[in-house]
Amino acid sequence: MRWYECVMYYQIIAEVIGTYFVVLLGCGSVVVNKIHGSVTFPGICVVWGLIVMVMVYSVGHISGAHFNPSVTITFAIFRRFPLTELPLYIIAQIIAAILASGTLYLLFDVTEDAYFGTLPVGSNVQALVFEILISFLLMFVISGVATDNRAIGELAGIAVGMTILLNVFVAGPVTGASMNPARSIGPAVIMKTYNGLWIYIIGPTIGTILGGFAYNLIRFTDKPLREVTRSSSFLRSMSRNITH
């Protein structure tokens, strides 16, 4: 086995583990709240934001911490991710989401009333627009904090996690705030509930592509690179202030 094949092997494992726990804990908070009523809606929002943040910091340096087929597709389109690795990442993310959903199904007595997937509450058009908008914002933030070396890289996980938290707060009651086809496909497959699933495949993908495109429009600057990267590290900036 060549060295780059070993690297890819570890990346896929990291992506599976990260996606598995994102879906397990995020959807798990929904199940627990519907069955026991102990988490509350704000609690669900916090769980989604925190688990993504934790897993970004845990495996982001190994796999890139996509956990989301739409994000991976967008990275590939804008040449931030190898196109040859795209199918493996998407398969890994979907399999991880199905495994996490299956785990929840086995651990809890999940009925139709306790469904932990995503379903549109209003019209399909409303849900689609919401998913496009919140996915746009998510990818816009990811592009800013994770692909631009002028950003404060150490805070990327916090920024992405907080974006998800805010999106779930606003769009959660309307669409379930998926932003992630794998997050919706996993529960749908396990529970055999496919109503409106196309919304959560098409919407996030359109939104993330538009979000990545929008950030690329404003990415460039006339300032020299050495000047704009002076404050790219919060920790380095703080250490310089302390030493001086």
Protein backbone atom coordinates (compact mmCIF):
# COMPACT_ATOMS: atom_id res chain seq x y z
CA MET A 1 0.00 0.00 0.00
CA ARG A 2 1.42 3.36 -1.06
CA TRP A 3 1.81 6.17 1.48
CA TYR A 4 -0.92 8.34 -0.07
CA GLU A 5 -3.33 5.39 0.04
CA CYS A 6 -2.63 5.09 3.78
CA VAL A 7 -3.30 8.81 4.23
CA MET A 8 -6.62 8.50 2.38
CA TYR A 9 -7.53 5.49 4.54
CA TYR A 10 -7.05 7.51 7.73
CA GLN A 11 -8.95 10.45 6.31
CA ILE A 12 -11.97 8.30 5.51
CA ILE A 13 -11.93 6.74 9.00
CA ALA A 14 -11.77 10.21 10.56
CA GLU A 15 -14.64 11.42 8.39
CA VAL A 16 -16.77 8.40 9.30
CA ILE A 17 -16.13 8.85 13.02
CA GLY A 18 -16.78 12.60 12.88
CA THR A 19 -19.98 12.30 10.86
CA TYR A 20 -21.20 9.41 13.01
CA PHE A 21 -20.99 11.37 16.25
CA VAL A 22 -22.34 14.58 14.72
CA VAL A 23 -25.48 12.72 13.64
CA LEU A 24 -25.64 10.53 16.74
CA LEU A 25 -25.58 13.39 19.22
CA GLY A 26 -27.41 15.94 17.10
CA CYS A 27 -30.27 13.62 16.17
CA GLY A 28 -30.01 12.00 19.61
CA SER A 29 -30.90 15.29 21.24
CA VAL A 30 -34.04 15.39 19.07
CA VAL A 31 -35.01 11.84 20.05
CA VAL A 32 -34.42 12.41 23.77
CA ASN A 33 -36.42 15.62 23.70
CA LYS A 34 -39.36 14.04 21.87
CA ILE A 35 -39.45 11.01 24.18
CA HIS A 36 -38.51 12.56 27.52
CA GLY A 37 -38.93 16.30 26.90
CA SER A 38 -35.76 17.04 28.83
CA VAL A 39 -33.56 18.72 26.25
CA THR A 40 -35.84 21.55 24.98
CA PHE A 41 -35.54 23.24 21.61
CA PRO A 42 -32.76 25.66 22.67
CA GLY A 43 -30.91 22.65 24.04
CA ILE A 44 -31.15 20.89 20.67
CA CYS A 45 -29.69 23.97 18.98
CA VAL A 46 -26.79 24.04 21.42
CA VAL A 47 -26.10 20.31 21.00
CA TRP A 48 -25.88 20.63 17.21
CA GLY A 49 -23.50 23.57 17.46
CA LEU A 50 -21.32 21.99 20.13
CA ILE A 51 -20.96 18.54 18.56
CA VAL A 52 -19.89 20.03 15.22
CA MET A 53 -17.41 22.30 16.99
CA VAL A 54 -15.98 19.42 19.04
CA MET A 55 -15.56 17.12 16.03
CA VAL A 56 -14.02 19.89 13.91
CA TYR A 57 -11.32 20.33 16.53
CA SER A 58 -10.96 16.56 16.94
CA VAL A 59 -10.50 15.41 13.33
CA GLY A 60 -10.38 18.59 11.26
CA HIS A 61 -6.60 18.32 10.91
CA ILE A 62 -6.97 14.77 9.56
CA SER A 63 -9.97 14.71 7.25
CA GLY A 64 -10.88 18.39 6.94
CA ALA A 65 -14.01 17.74 9.03
CA HIS A 66 -16.58 18.12 6.27
CA PHE A 67 -19.22 15.74 7.72
CA ASN A 68 -21.44 16.96 4.91
CA PRO A 69 -21.66 15.87 1.25
CA SER A 70 -22.72 19.36 0.15
CA VAL A 71 -19.66 20.92 1.76
CA THR A 72 -17.40 18.32 0.17
CA ILE A 73 -18.95 18.91 -3.26
CA THR A 74 -18.49 22.66 -2.89
CA PHE A 75 -14.85 22.28 -1.85
CA ALA A 76 -14.27 20.08 -4.89
CA ILE A 77 -15.93 22.57 -7.25
CA PHE A 78 -13.72 25.40 -6.02
CA ARG A 79 -10.59 23.20 -6.04
CA ARG A 80 -10.23 23.09 -2.28
CA PHE A 81 -10.60 19.31 -2.32
CA PRO A 82 -9.37 16.61 -4.74
CA LEU A 83 -12.13 15.58 -7.12
CA THR A 84 -10.87 12.00 -7.10
CA GLU A 85 -11.61 11.68 -3.38
CA LEU A 86 -15.14 13.11 -3.65
CA PRO A 87 -17.06 9.82 -4.07
CA LEU A 88 -15.30 8.14 -1.14
CA TYR A 89 -16.01 11.07 1.18
CA ILE A 90 -19.69 11.22 0.24
CA ILE A 91 -20.12 7.46 0.67
CA ALA A 92 -18.34 7.60 4.04
CA GLN A 93 -20.55 10.46 5.26
CA ILE A 94 -23.80 8.79 4.22
CA ILE A 95 -22.81 5.41 5.68
CA ALA A 96 -21.81 7.10 8.96
CA ALA A 97 -25.16 8.93 9.10
CA ILE A 98 -27.07 5.69 8.49
CA LEU A 99 -25.05 3.88 11.18
CA ALA A 100 -25.68 6.70 13.68
CA SER A 101 -29.39 6.70 12.87
CA GLY A 102 -29.49 2.93 13.23
CA THR A 103 -27.83 3.21 16.62
CA LEU A 104 -30.49 5.64 17.81
CA TYR A 105 -33.23 3.40 16.44
CA LEU A 106 -31.85 0.46 18.44
CA LEU A 107 -31.28 2.45 21.65
CA PHE A 108 -34.68 4.17 21.75
CA ASP A 109 -38.24 3.12 21.07
CA VAL A 110 -38.48 5.45 18.11
CA THR A 111 -42.01 5.87 16.78
CA GLU A 112 -43.29 8.11 14.01
CA ASP A 113 -43.92 10.81 16.61
CA ALA A 114 -40.28 10.65 17.72
CA TYR A 115 -38.88 10.83 14.19
CA PHE A 116 -35.47 12.46 14.33
CA GLY A 117 -35.08 13.21 10.63
CA THR A 118 -36.06 16.37 8.79
CA LEU A 119 -39.52 17.08 7.42
CA PRO A 120 -40.89 20.34 5.99
CA VAL A 121 -43.49 21.88 8.28
CA GLY A 122 -44.85 24.34 5.72
CA SER A 123 -44.71 24.19 1.94
CA ASN A 124 -41.91 22.49 0.06
CA VAL A 125 -40.94 25.79 -1.53
CA GLN A 126 -40.59 27.48 1.86
CA ALA A 127 -38.48 24.61 3.17
CA LEU A 128 -36.28 24.60 0.07
CA VAL A 129 -35.63 28.34 0.29
CA PHE A 130 -34.82 28.07 3.99
CA GLU A 131 -32.36 25.22 3.39
CA ILE A 132 -30.66 27.16 0.60
CA LEU A 133 -30.30 30.26 2.78
CA ILE A 134 -28.96 28.59 5.91
CA SER A 135 -26.63 26.38 3.86
CA PHE A 136 -25.39 29.47 2.06
CA LEU A 137 -24.52 31.08 5.39
CA LEU A 138 -22.85 27.91 6.67
CA MET A 139 -20.62 27.55 3.61
CA PHE A 140 -19.88 31.27 3.53
CA VAL A 141 -18.59 31.05 7.11
CA ILE A 142 -16.68 27.83 6.44
CA SER A 143 -15.02 29.42 3.42
CA GLY A 144 -14.03 32.43 5.46
CA VAL A 145 -12.60 30.69 8.50
CA ALA A 146 -11.28 27.46 6.99
CA THR A 147 -10.01 28.31 3.49
CA ASP A 148 -8.66 31.84 3.90
CA ASN A 149 -5.24 32.14 5.53
CA ARG A 150 -6.07 35.67 6.67
CA ALA A 151 -8.71 34.36 9.07
CA ILE A 152 -8.14 33.41 12.71
CA GLY A 153 -7.76 29.71 12.08
CA GLU A 154 -7.85 28.61 15.71
CA LEU A 155 -11.42 29.87 16.01
CA ALA A 156 -12.75 28.06 12.92
CA GLY A 157 -14.52 25.34 14.91
CA ILE A 158 -16.25 27.88 17.13
CA ALA A 159 -17.39 29.99 14.17
CA VAL A 160 -18.79 26.99 12.29
CA GLY A 161 -20.46 25.56 15.40
CA MET A 162 -22.07 28.86 16.30
CA THR A 163 -23.33 29.29 12.73
CA ILE A 164 -25.06 25.91 12.92
CA LEU A 165 -26.52 26.80 16.32
CA LEU A 166 -27.98 30.04 14.95
CA ASN A 167 -29.33 28.34 11.83
CA VAL A 168 -31.06 25.63 13.87
CA PHE A 169 -32.61 28.28 16.12
CA VAL A 170 -34.20 30.06 13.15
CA ALA A 171 -34.90 27.30 10.64
CA GLY A 172 -35.30 24.32 12.97
CA PRO A 173 -39.05 24.76 13.55
CA VAL A 174 -39.66 25.15 9.80
CA THR A 175 -37.41 22.56 8.11
CA GLY A 176 -35.43 20.82 10.84
CA ALA A 177 -32.41 22.86 9.68
CA SER A 178 -30.59 20.06 7.93
CA MET A 179 -27.91 21.90 5.91
CA ASN A 180 -26.55 18.40 5.31
CA PRO A 181 -27.92 15.68 2.97
CA ALA A 182 -26.28 12.91 5.03
CA ARG A 183 -27.98 14.14 8.21
CA SER A 184 -31.37 13.79 6.47
CA ILE A 185 -30.66 10.63 4.48
CA GLY A 186 -29.57 8.61 7.54
CA PRO A 187 -32.83 8.87 9.52
CA ALA A 188 -34.92 8.62 6.33
CA VAL A 189 -33.34 5.28 5.40
CA ILE A 190 -33.62 3.81 8.89
CA MET A 191 -37.18 5.00 9.46
CA LYS A 192 -38.25 4.58 5.82
CA THR A 193 -39.60 8.13 5.74
CA TYR A 194 -38.79 9.83 2.45
CA ASN A 195 -41.32 12.67 2.44
CA GLY A 196 -39.59 15.80 1.17
CA LEU A 197 -36.14 14.18 1.25
CA TRP A 198 -35.28 15.75 -2.11
CA ILE A 199 -35.44 19.16 -0.42
CA TYR A 200 -32.64 18.21 1.95
CA ILE A 201 -30.45 16.92 -0.87
CA ILE A 202 -30.95 19.71 -3.38
CA GLY A 203 -31.37 22.67 -0.99
CA PRO A 204 -28.13 22.33 1.00
CA THR A 205 -26.12 21.58 -2.14
CA ILE A 206 -27.40 24.66 -3.97
CA GLY A 207 -26.90 26.78 -0.84
CA THR A 208 -23.34 25.65 -0.15
CA ILE A 209 -22.26 26.12 -3.77
CA LEU A 210 -23.70 29.65 -3.77
CA GLY A 211 -22.09 30.36 -0.39
CA GLY A 212 -18.70 29.20 -1.62
CA PHE A 213 -19.09 31.24 -4.79
CA ALA A 214 -20.07 34.37 -2.83
CA TYR A 215 -17.02 34.14 -0.58
CA ASN A 216 -14.73 33.62 -3.57
CA LEU A 217 -16.08 36.87 -5.01
CA ILE A 218 -14.82 38.84 -1.98
CA ARG A 219 -11.78 36.72 -1.16
CA PHE A 220 -9.23 38.76 -3.09
CA THR A 221 -7.62 41.94 -1.82
CA ASP A 222 -5.06 44.45 -3.06
CA LYS A 223 -3.09 44.26 0.19
CA PRO A 224 0.20 42.31 0.16
CA LEU A 225 -0.20 38.80 1.57
CA ARG A 226 2.38 39.42 4.31
CA GLU A 227 0.32 42.39 5.51
CA VAL A 228 -3.09 40.72 5.60
CA THR A 229 -1.72 37.62 7.34
CA ARG A 230 -0.16 39.50 10.24
CA SER A 231 -3.28 39.02 12.36
CA SER A 232 -4.30 35.63 10.95
CA SER A 233 -3.55 33.86 14.21
CA PHE A 234 -5.32 34.98 17.35
CA LEU A 235 -2.91 33.04 19.54
CA ARG A 236 0.17 34.45 17.82
CA SER A 237 -1.23 37.96 18.08
CA MET A 238 -1.90 37.52 21.79
CA SER A 239 1.58 36.12 22.41
CA ARG A 240 3.17 39.10 20.66
CA ASN A 241 1.14 41.50 22.78
CA ILE A 242 2.14 39.71 25.96
CA THR A 243 5.85 39.63 25.09
CA HIS A 244 5.81 43.31 24.24
